């Protein structure tokens, strides 16, 4: 039986664990630097959540908002490859959608590598619609697909 997952807001104290997840989840050159991760955890306007199993961080999601915007940007999602299949990605995405609803936002948006089939399936299963193809979006020249999800609920005032 797989141990249960817990989703909680990330703290500055999670930096080492989030960085380890990032290094395991993405190839060299694609992963965020420690400095970028620290900014997302401590200073970015939005929220970060971590997925924990047995008290260990196995994934994270970084979400960005702007005071004047009506959308939530899912900036980064990563799950340690050793923990994939345990529902961490879905749980993190659920937390993001719940936050968007709580804030009264109209839409959640993201960009995903067109070759990341597991992520594309996860987003499609959750109602995200494909949008613009972004050629050469990633620094290695890989293309991205912009996706969006309409959020139901009351708009914020």
C-alpha atoms as a PDB file:
ATOM      1  CA  UNK A   1       0.000   0.000   0.000  1.00  0.00           C
ATOM      2  CA  UNK A   2       1.317   3.433  -0.988  1.00  0.00           C
ATOM      3  CA  UNK A   3       1.723   5.847   1.922  1.00  0.00           C
ATOM      4  CA  UNK A   4      -0.719   8.777   1.796  1.00  0.00           C
ATOM      5  CA  UNK A   5       0.240  12.111   0.302  1.00  0.00           C
ATOM      6  CA  UNK A   6       0.020  15.423   2.075  1.00  0.00           C
ATOM      7  CA  UNK A   7      -0.094  18.723   0.211  1.00  0.00           C
ATOM      8  CA  UNK A   8       0.993  21.828   2.092  1.00  0.00           C
ATOM      9  CA  UNK A   9       2.280  25.324   1.354  1.00  0.00           C
ATOM     10  CA  UNK A  10       6.010  25.296   0.679  1.00  0.00           C
ATOM     11  CA  UNK A  11       8.321  27.219   2.986  1.00  0.00           C
ATOM     12  CA  UNK A  12      11.852  28.568   2.655  1.00  0.00           C
ATOM     13  CA  UNK A  13      12.934  25.508   4.643  1.00  0.00           C
ATOM     14  CA  UNK A  14      11.839  23.289   1.749  1.00  0.00           C
ATOM     15  CA  UNK A  15      14.422  24.757  -0.635  1.00  0.00           C
ATOM     16  CA  UNK A  16      16.871  21.825  -0.441  1.00  0.00           C
ATOM     17  CA  UNK A  17      14.118  19.260  -0.992  1.00  0.00           C
ATOM     18  CA  UNK A  18      12.502  21.232  -3.826  1.00  0.00           C
ATOM     19  CA  UNK A  19      15.894  21.642  -5.472  1.00  0.00           C
ATOM     20  CA  UNK A  20      16.487  17.876  -5.230  1.00  0.00           C
ATOM     21  CA  UNK A  21      13.104  17.169  -6.843  1.00  0.00           C
ATOM     22  CA  UNK A  22      13.920  19.677  -9.594  1.00  0.00           C
ATOM     23  CA  UNK A  23      17.311  18.042 -10.293  1.00  0.00           C
ATOM     24  CA  UNK A  24      15.781  14.552 -10.447  1.00  0.00           C
ATOM     25  CA  UNK A  25      12.781  15.596 -12.535  1.00  0.00           C
ATOM     26  CA  UNK A  26      14.485  17.637 -15.242  1.00  0.00           C
ATOM     27  CA  UNK A  27      17.617  17.108 -17.326  1.00  0.00           C
ATOM     28  CA  UNK A  28      20.670  19.294 -16.804  1.00  0.00           C
ATOM     29  CA  UNK A  29      20.076  22.669 -18.388  1.00  0.00           C
ATOM     30  CA  UNK A  30      16.280  22.492 -18.036  1.00  0.00           C
ATOM     31  CA  UNK A  31      16.091  22.579 -14.254  1.00  0.00           C
ATOM     32  CA  UNK A  32      15.662  25.853 -12.407  1.00  0.00           C
ATOM     33  CA  UNK A  33      18.712  27.084 -10.526  1.00  0.00           C
ATOM     34  CA  UNK A  34      18.727  27.189  -6.737  1.00  0.00           C
ATOM     35  CA  UNK A  35      18.445  30.978  -6.973  1.00  0.00           C
ATOM     36  CA  UNK A  36      15.335  30.732  -9.175  1.00  0.00           C
ATOM     37  CA  UNK A  37      13.752  28.198  -6.833  1.00  0.00           C
ATOM     38  CA  UNK A  38      14.496  30.388  -3.811  1.00  0.00           C
ATOM     39  CA  UNK A  39      12.771  33.305  -5.561  1.00  0.00           C
ATOM     40  CA  UNK A  40       9.698  31.168  -6.321  1.00  0.00           C
ATOM     41  CA  UNK A  41       9.499  29.943  -2.718  1.00  0.00           C
ATOM     42  CA  UNK A  42      10.198  33.211  -0.959  1.00  0.00           C
ATOM     43  CA  UNK A  43       9.404  36.199  -3.157  1.00  0.00           C
ATOM     44  CA  UNK A  44       7.231  35.443  -6.171  1.00  0.00           C
ATOM     45  CA  UNK A  45       3.665  36.717  -6.152  1.00  0.00           C
ATOM     46  CA  UNK A  46       1.619  33.546  -5.989  1.00  0.00           C
ATOM     47  CA  UNK A  47       2.035  30.315  -4.086  1.00  0.00           C
ATOM     48  CA  UNK A  48       4.108  27.158  -3.936  1.00  0.00           C
ATOM     49  CA  UNK A  49       2.940  23.828  -2.603  1.00  0.00           C
ATOM     50  CA  UNK A  50       4.828  20.640  -1.880  1.00  0.00           C
ATOM     51  CA  UNK A  51       3.620  17.063  -1.983  1.00  0.00           C
ATOM     52  CA  UNK A  52       4.973  14.976   0.885  1.00  0.00           C
ATOM     53  CA  UNK A  53       4.955  11.238   1.452  1.00  0.00           C
ATOM     54  CA  UNK A  54       6.219   9.909   4.774  1.00  0.00           C
ATOM     55  CA  UNK A  55       7.288  13.470   5.592  1.00  0.00           C
ATOM     56  CA  UNK A  56       9.530  13.665   2.521  1.00  0.00           C
ATOM     57  CA  UNK A  57       8.985  16.171  -0.290  1.00  0.00           C
ATOM     58  CA  UNK A  58       8.317  14.243  -3.508  1.00  0.00           C
ATOM     59  CA  UNK A  59       6.988  17.075  -5.668  1.00  0.00           C
ATOM     60  CA  UNK A  60       6.181  20.752  -5.883  1.00  0.00           C
ATOM     61  CA  UNK A  61       4.129  23.237  -7.860  1.00  0.00           C
ATOM     62  CA  UNK A  62       4.900  26.937  -8.323  1.00  0.00           C
ATOM     63  CA  UNK A  63       1.964  29.220  -9.084  1.00  0.00           C
ATOM     64  CA  UNK A  64       2.097  32.853 -10.131  1.00  0.00           C
ATOM     65  CA  UNK A  65      -0.586  35.495  -9.876  1.00  0.00           C
ATOM     66  CA  UNK A  66      -0.774  39.180 -10.651  1.00  0.00           C
ATOM     67  CA  UNK A  67      -2.989  41.617  -8.855  1.00  0.00           C
ATOM     68  CA  UNK A  68      -4.484  42.868 -12.117  1.00  0.00           C
ATOM     69  CA  UNK A  69      -4.791  39.495 -13.879  1.00  0.00           C
ATOM     70  CA  UNK A  70      -7.693  37.080 -13.783  1.00  0.00           C
ATOM     71  CA  UNK A  71      -5.615  33.971 -14.303  1.00  0.00           C
ATOM     72  CA  UNK A  72      -3.361  31.679 -12.321  1.00  0.00           C
ATOM     73  CA  UNK A  73      -0.168  30.720 -14.085  1.00  0.00           C
ATOM     74  CA  UNK A  74       1.099  27.253 -13.316  1.00  0.00           C
ATOM     75  CA  UNK A  75       4.753  28.086 -13.642  1.00  0.00           C
ATOM     76  CA  UNK A  76       6.364  24.789 -12.722  1.00  0.00           C
ATOM     77  CA  UNK A  77       5.325  21.319 -11.632  1.00  0.00           C
ATOM     78  CA  UNK A  78       7.830  18.622 -10.762  1.00  0.00           C
ATOM     79  CA  UNK A  79       7.535  15.176  -9.200  1.00  0.00           C
ATOM     80  CA  UNK A  80      10.564  13.095  -8.328  1.00  0.00           C
ATOM     81  CA  UNK A  81      10.729  10.229 -10.857  1.00  0.00           C
ATOM     82  CA  UNK A  82      10.955   7.721  -7.975  1.00  0.00           C
ATOM     83  CA  UNK A  83       7.554   8.940  -6.731  1.00  0.00           C
ATOM     84  CA  UNK A  84       5.722   9.147 -10.046  1.00  0.00           C
ATOM     85  CA  UNK A  85       2.474   7.259 -10.219  1.00  0.00           C
ATOM     86  CA  UNK A  86       1.567   7.932  -6.570  1.00  0.00           C
ATOM     87  CA  UNK A  87      -0.835  10.767  -7.403  1.00  0.00           C
ATOM     88  CA  UNK A  88       1.450  13.654  -6.433  1.00  0.00           C
ATOM     89  CA  UNK A  89       1.043  15.452  -9.767  1.00  0.00           C
ATOM     90  CA  UNK A  90      -2.752  15.213  -9.567  1.00  0.00           C
ATOM     91  CA  UNK A  91      -2.802  16.339  -5.923  1.00  0.00           C
ATOM     92  CA  UNK A  92      -0.603  19.353  -6.717  1.00  0.00           C
ATOM     93  CA  UNK A  93      -2.783  20.265  -9.688  1.00  0.00           C
ATOM     94  CA  UNK A  94      -5.879  19.942  -7.479  1.00  0.00           C
ATOM     95  CA  UNK A  95      -4.293  22.387  -5.008  1.00  0.00           C
ATOM     96  CA  UNK A  96      -3.618  24.852  -7.833  1.00  0.00           C
ATOM     97  CA  UNK A  97      -7.183  24.687  -9.122  1.00  0.00           C
ATOM     98  CA  UNK A  98      -8.545  25.069  -5.582  1.00  0.00           C
ATOM     99  CA  UNK A  99      -6.393  28.175  -5.108  1.00  0.00           C
ATOM    100  CA  UNK A 100      -7.643  29.647  -8.392  1.00  0.00           C
ATOM    101  CA  UNK A 101     -11.233  29.096  -7.255  1.00  0.00           C
ATOM    102  CA  UNK A 102     -10.510  30.548  -3.821  1.00  0.00           C
ATOM    103  CA  UNK A 103      -9.030  33.666  -5.426  1.00  0.00           C
ATOM    104  CA  UNK A 104     -11.969  33.967  -7.837  1.00  0.00           C
ATOM    105  CA  UNK A 105      -9.751  33.659 -10.899  1.00  0.00           C
ATOM    106  CA  UNK A 106     -11.218  32.880 -14.310  1.00  0.00           C
ATOM    107  CA  UNK A 107      -8.507  30.697 -15.786  1.00  0.00           C
ATOM    108  CA  UNK A 108      -5.419  28.613 -15.090  1.00  0.00           C
ATOM    109  CA  UNK A 109      -2.704  28.618 -17.760  1.00  0.00           C
ATOM    110  CA  UNK A 110       0.544  26.774 -18.308  1.00  0.00           C
ATOM    111  CA  UNK A 111       3.142  25.847 -20.893  1.00  0.00           C
ATOM    112  CA  UNK A 112       4.257  22.247 -21.306  1.00  0.00           C
ATOM    113  CA  UNK A 113       6.910  20.574 -23.439  1.00  0.00           C
ATOM    114  CA  UNK A 114       5.188  18.922 -26.403  1.00  0.00           C
ATOM    115  CA  UNK A 115       7.171  15.729 -25.731  1.00  0.00           C
ATOM    116  CA  UNK A 116       6.035  15.421 -22.083  1.00  0.00           C
ATOM    117  CA  UNK A 117       3.256  12.906 -22.678  1.00  0.00           C
ATOM    118  CA  UNK A 118       2.497  12.155 -18.994  1.00  0.00           C
ATOM    119  CA  UNK A 119       2.015  15.867 -18.243  1.00  0.00           C
ATOM    120  CA  UNK A 120      -0.068  16.398 -21.391  1.00  0.00           C
ATOM    121  CA  UNK A 121      -2.341  13.499 -20.360  1.00  0.00           C
ATOM    122  CA  UNK A 122      -2.649  14.827 -16.793  1.00  0.00           C
ATOM    123  CA  UNK A 123      -3.646  18.286 -17.980  1.00  0.00           C
ATOM    124  CA  UNK A 124      -6.089  16.954 -20.587  1.00  0.00           C
ATOM    125  CA  UNK A 125      -7.700  14.665 -17.967  1.00  0.00           C
ATOM    126  CA  UNK A 126      -8.284  17.744 -15.838  1.00  0.00           C
ATOM    127  CA  UNK A 127      -9.971  19.717 -18.593  1.00  0.00           C
ATOM    128  CA  UNK A 128      -7.077  21.832 -19.851  1.00  0.00           C
ATOM    129  CA  UNK A 129      -7.456  22.759 -23.499  1.00  0.00           C
ATOM    130  CA  UNK A 130      -4.601  23.024 -25.964  1.00  0.00           C
ATOM    131  CA  UNK A 131      -3.832  26.465 -27.274  1.00  0.00           C
ATOM    132  CA  UNK A 132      -0.959  28.044 -29.122  1.00  0.00           C
ATOM    133  CA  UNK A 133       2.110  26.038 -30.120  1.00  0.00           C
ATOM    134  CA  UNK A 134       5.182  27.942 -28.936  1.00  0.00           C
ATOM    135  CA  UNK A 135       8.051  27.021 -31.253  1.00  0.00           C
ATOM    136  CA  UNK A 136      11.518  26.989 -29.691  1.00  0.00           C
ATOM    137  CA  UNK A 137      10.078  27.926 -26.285  1.00  0.00           C
ATOM    138  CA  UNK A 138      12.692  26.102 -24.224  1.00  0.00           C
ATOM    139  CA  UNK A 139      16.362  27.023 -24.266  1.00  0.00           C
ATOM    140  CA  UNK A 140      17.228  23.725 -25.990  1.00  0.00           C
ATOM    141  CA  UNK A 141      14.882  24.636 -28.844  1.00  0.00           C
ATOM    142  CA  UNK A 142      12.039  22.317 -27.812  1.00  0.00           C
ATOM    143  CA  UNK A 143       8.493  23.445 -28.494  1.00  0.00           C
ATOM    144  CA  UNK A 144       5.862  24.067 -25.832  1.00  0.00           C
ATOM    145  CA  UNK A 145       2.111  23.959 -25.915  1.00  0.00           C
ATOM    146  CA  UNK A 146       0.152  26.640 -24.083  1.00  0.00           C
ATOM    147  CA  UNK A 147      -2.819  25.119 -22.267  1.00  0.00           C
ATOM    148  CA  UNK A 148      -5.637  26.668 -20.287  1.00  0.00           C
ATOM    149  CA  UNK A 149      -8.464  25.682 -17.987  1.00  0.00           C
ATOM    150  CA  UNK A 150     -11.585  27.766 -17.487  1.00  0.00           C
ATOM    151  CA  UNK A 151     -12.280  28.051 -13.766  1.00  0.00           C
ATOM    152  CA  UNK A 152     -15.880  27.952 -12.620  1.00  0.00           C
ATOM    153  CA  UNK A 153     -16.960  30.047  -9.699  1.00  0.00           C
ATOM    154  CA  UNK A 154     -17.519  33.579  -8.627  1.00  0.00           C
ATOM    155  CA  UNK A 155     -15.060  36.162  -9.980  1.00  0.00           C
ATOM    156  CA  UNK A 156     -13.163  38.170  -7.399  1.00  0.00           C
ATOM    157  CA  UNK A 157     -14.092  41.788  -6.841  1.00  0.00           C
END
